[in-house]
Protein backbone atom coordinates (compact mmCIF):
# COMPACT_ATOMS: atom_id res chain seq x y z
CA UNK A 1 -0.08 0.19 -0.13
CA UNK A 2 3.07 2.18 0.79
CA UNK A 3 4.45 2.21 -2.74
CA UNK A 4 1.39 2.56 -4.67
CA UNK A 5 0.82 6.54 -2.49
CA UNK A 6 4.86 7.17 -3.81
CA UNK A 7 3.44 6.01 -7.29
CA UNK A 8 0.71 8.04 -6.79
CA UNK A 9 2.44 10.62 -5.82
CA UNK A 10 4.89 10.68 -8.47
CA UNK A 11 1.60 10.57 -10.96
CA UNK A 12 0.55 13.72 -9.83
CA UNK A 13 3.92 14.76 -10.11
CA UNK A 14 3.85 14.06 -13.71
CA UNK A 15 0.78 15.96 -13.89
CA UNK A 16 2.23 18.74 -12.93
CA UNK A 17 4.51 19.08 -15.82
CA UNK A 18 2.51 17.74 -17.99
CA UNK A 19 3.07 19.73 -21.08
CA UNK A 20 6.66 19.76 -19.83
CA UNK A 21 8.56 17.86 -22.52
CA UNK A 22 11.10 18.06 -19.97
CA UNK A 23 13.78 15.29 -20.23
CA UNK A 24 15.30 15.62 -17.47
CA UNK A 25 12.01 15.93 -15.19
CA UNK A 26 12.00 16.13 -11.42
CA UNK A 27 9.54 13.49 -11.05
CA UNK A 28 11.27 10.98 -13.35
CA UNK A 29 14.35 12.02 -11.29
CA UNK A 30 12.85 11.40 -8.07
CA UNK A 31 11.52 8.17 -9.62
CA UNK A 32 14.34 6.55 -10.22
CA UNK A 33 16.08 7.70 -7.16
CA UNK A 34 14.20 5.88 -5.79
CA UNK A 35 13.76 2.86 -7.85
CA UNK A 36 17.87 2.17 -8.19
CA UNK A 37 20.11 0.84 -5.93
CA UNK A 38 22.76 2.45 -8.21
CA UNK A 39 25.20 -0.79 -7.34
CA UNK A 40 26.83 -0.60 -10.71
CA UNK A 41 27.48 3.02 -12.93
CA UNK A 42 25.04 4.78 -13.89
CA UNK A 43 25.10 6.60 -17.02
CA UNK A 44 22.96 9.96 -18.99
CA UNK A 45 21.95 9.41 -22.67
CA UNK A 46 24.65 12.86 -23.30
CA UNK A 47 27.96 10.98 -22.19
CA UNK A 48 27.65 8.26 -24.62
CA UNK A 49 26.96 10.37 -27.57
CA UNK A 50 28.70 9.35 -30.72
CA UNK A 51 30.69 6.69 -28.90
CA UNK A 52 31.12 3.10 -30.55
CA UNK A 53 33.57 1.30 -28.77
CA UNK A 54 30.27 0.26 -26.49
CA UNK A 55 29.38 -3.24 -26.37
CA UNK A 56 25.31 -2.53 -25.95
CA UNK A 57 22.91 -4.86 -24.44
CA UNK A 58 19.06 -4.50 -23.91
CA UNK A 59 17.56 -5.99 -20.83
CA UNK A 60 13.59 -5.95 -22.02
CA UNK A 61 11.38 -8.68 -22.97
CA UNK A 62 12.00 -9.73 -26.56
CA UNK A 63 8.90 -7.94 -27.21
CA UNK A 64 9.71 -4.47 -26.52
CA UNK A 65 13.04 -5.45 -28.02
CA UNK A 66 11.46 -6.29 -31.39
CA UNK A 67 9.31 -2.92 -31.03
CA UNK A 68 12.37 -0.74 -31.34
CA UNK A 69 15.90 -0.28 -29.57
CA UNK A 70 19.09 1.70 -29.82
CA UNK A 71 21.28 0.92 -32.53
CA UNK A 72 22.87 -2.24 -32.58
CA UNK A 73 21.74 -2.85 -29.39
CA UNK A 74 22.06 -7.14 -28.50
CA UNK A 75 19.15 -8.74 -26.82
CA UNK A 76 19.72 -10.24 -23.29
CA UNK A 77 16.11 -10.09 -21.63
CA UNK A 78 15.75 -9.49 -17.60
CA UNK A 79 12.77 -12.66 -17.11
CA UNK A 80 14.99 -15.02 -18.82
CA UNK A 81 18.13 -13.66 -18.75
CA UNK A 82 20.83 -16.68 -18.90
CA UNK A 83 24.78 -15.24 -19.82
CA UNK A 84 25.42 -18.05 -22.65
CA UNK A 85 23.68 -14.92 -24.32
CA UNK A 86 26.73 -13.27 -23.02
CA UNK A 87 29.25 -15.57 -23.81
CA UNK A 88 30.50 -13.90 -27.17
CA UNK A 89 31.39 -10.61 -25.63
CA UNK A 90 34.32 -9.19 -24.74
CA UNK A 91 34.84 -8.87 -20.97
CA UNK A 92 37.56 -6.15 -20.97
CA UNK A 93 35.44 -3.78 -23.12
CA UNK A 94 32.63 -1.40 -22.00
CA UNK A 95 29.19 -2.54 -21.49
CA UNK A 96 26.39 -0.29 -22.37
CA UNK A 97 23.32 -2.23 -20.90
CA UNK A 98 19.37 -0.26 -20.96
CA UNK A 99 16.10 -1.43 -20.06
CA UNK A 100 12.84 1.06 -19.89
CA UNK A 101 14.32 3.21 -17.09
CA UNK A 102 16.73 1.59 -15.43
CA UNK A 103 15.59 -0.51 -12.98
CA UNK A 104 16.04 -4.39 -15.10
CA UNK A 105 19.64 -3.57 -16.95
CA UNK A 106 20.79 -2.36 -12.89
CA UNK A 107 19.63 -6.02 -12.08
CA UNK A 108 21.44 -7.56 -15.00
CA UNK A 109 24.43 -5.41 -15.38
CA UNK A 110 25.10 -6.91 -11.35
CA UNK A 111 25.09 -10.41 -12.63
CA UNK A 112 27.81 -9.36 -15.25
CA UNK A 113 29.95 -8.00 -12.86
CA UNK A 114 29.78 -11.19 -10.39
CA UNK A 115 30.86 -12.63 -13.97
CA UNK A 116 34.23 -10.58 -14.48
CA UNK A 117 32.63 -8.00 -16.76
CA UNK A 118 35.48 -4.54 -16.44
CA UNK A 119 33.20 -2.08 -17.36
CA UNK A 120 29.29 -2.61 -16.85
CA UNK A 121 27.23 1.38 -17.14
CA UNK A 122 23.93 1.39 -16.97
CA UNK A 123 22.00 4.20 -19.12
CA UNK A 124 20.14 6.50 -16.45
CA UNK A 125 16.47 6.62 -17.85
CA UNK A 126 16.43 3.98 -20.09
CA UNK A 127 14.78 4.04 -23.71
CA UNK A 128 12.84 6.70 -22.48
CA UNK A 129 15.17 8.87 -21.39
CA UNK A 130 17.00 8.46 -24.77
CA UNK A 131 13.72 8.69 -26.11
CA UNK A 132 12.07 11.35 -24.87
CA UNK A 133 15.23 13.51 -25.82
CA UNK A 134 14.58 12.69 -29.11
CA UNK A 135 17.64 9.86 -29.76
CA UNK A 136 17.14 7.34 -32.77
CA UNK A 137 15.70 4.01 -32.10
CA UNK A 138 16.10 1.73 -34.72
CA UNK A 139 14.22 -1.85 -36.03
CA UNK A 140 16.05 -4.34 -38.07
CA UNK A 141 18.81 -1.49 -38.54
CA UNK A 142 15.49 0.87 -39.59
CA UNK A 143 14.81 3.77 -37.34
CA UNK A 144 11.80 4.25 -36.04
CA UNK A 145 8.95 6.79 -33.76
CA UNK A 146 8.18 4.09 -31.80
CA UNK A 147 9.23 3.00 -28.12
CA UNK A 148 7.43 0.26 -25.97
CA UNK A 149 5.79 1.60 -23.27
CA UNK A 150 6.00 -1.65 -20.84
CA UNK A 151 2.59 -0.69 -19.58
CA UNK A 152 0.00 2.22 -18.90
CA UNK A 153 1.74 2.94 -15.39
CA UNK A 154 5.38 2.96 -16.87
CA UNK A 155 4.17 4.43 -20.21
CA UNK A 156 3.31 7.73 -18.48
CA UNK A 157 7.35 8.64 -18.21
CA UNK A 158 7.76 8.34 -22.36
CA UNK A 159 6.71 11.54 -23.68
CA UNK A 160 7.01 10.38 -27.93
CA UNK A 161 3.06 9.31 -29.47
CA UNK A 162 4.03 6.14 -31.10
CA UNK A 163 3.52 4.21 -27.23
CA UNK A 164 3.36 0.01 -27.96
CA UNK A 165 1.61 -1.82 -25.06
CA UNK A 166 1.83 -4.99 -26.51
């Protein structure tokens, strides 16, 4: 019940910012501050702009990845994550991992660090923050305008027109 009240508080904050398309909204930042444990290094969307040396991993479910993802991202999943999906990655090369907002990617990042990956970074705000900033997302190597919003509750944090819920 306490979590539900906290979540409703954040929804009220979002409604106060309803016409603001601010990528770094205070409500989103507060929500992330309570959601993330910060057990892995966080990196914001502007810190990785133009970098090509990251191995980019998507920790969302396959149906979310299939809607759109960051360019050259490798799907690794969350609920059924298996280390065999990352067996061909270089453990010494930096890994950027993301999900919708950062929670699931944080948990997978912890597993990667425990398996000897040296430089693992969680994308702060996930693909939602990325898309909210107008950064490109892809499906089958083609840029698209849609992002999977996970569900209607979490979709409030995604400020784009083409939200997918299926």
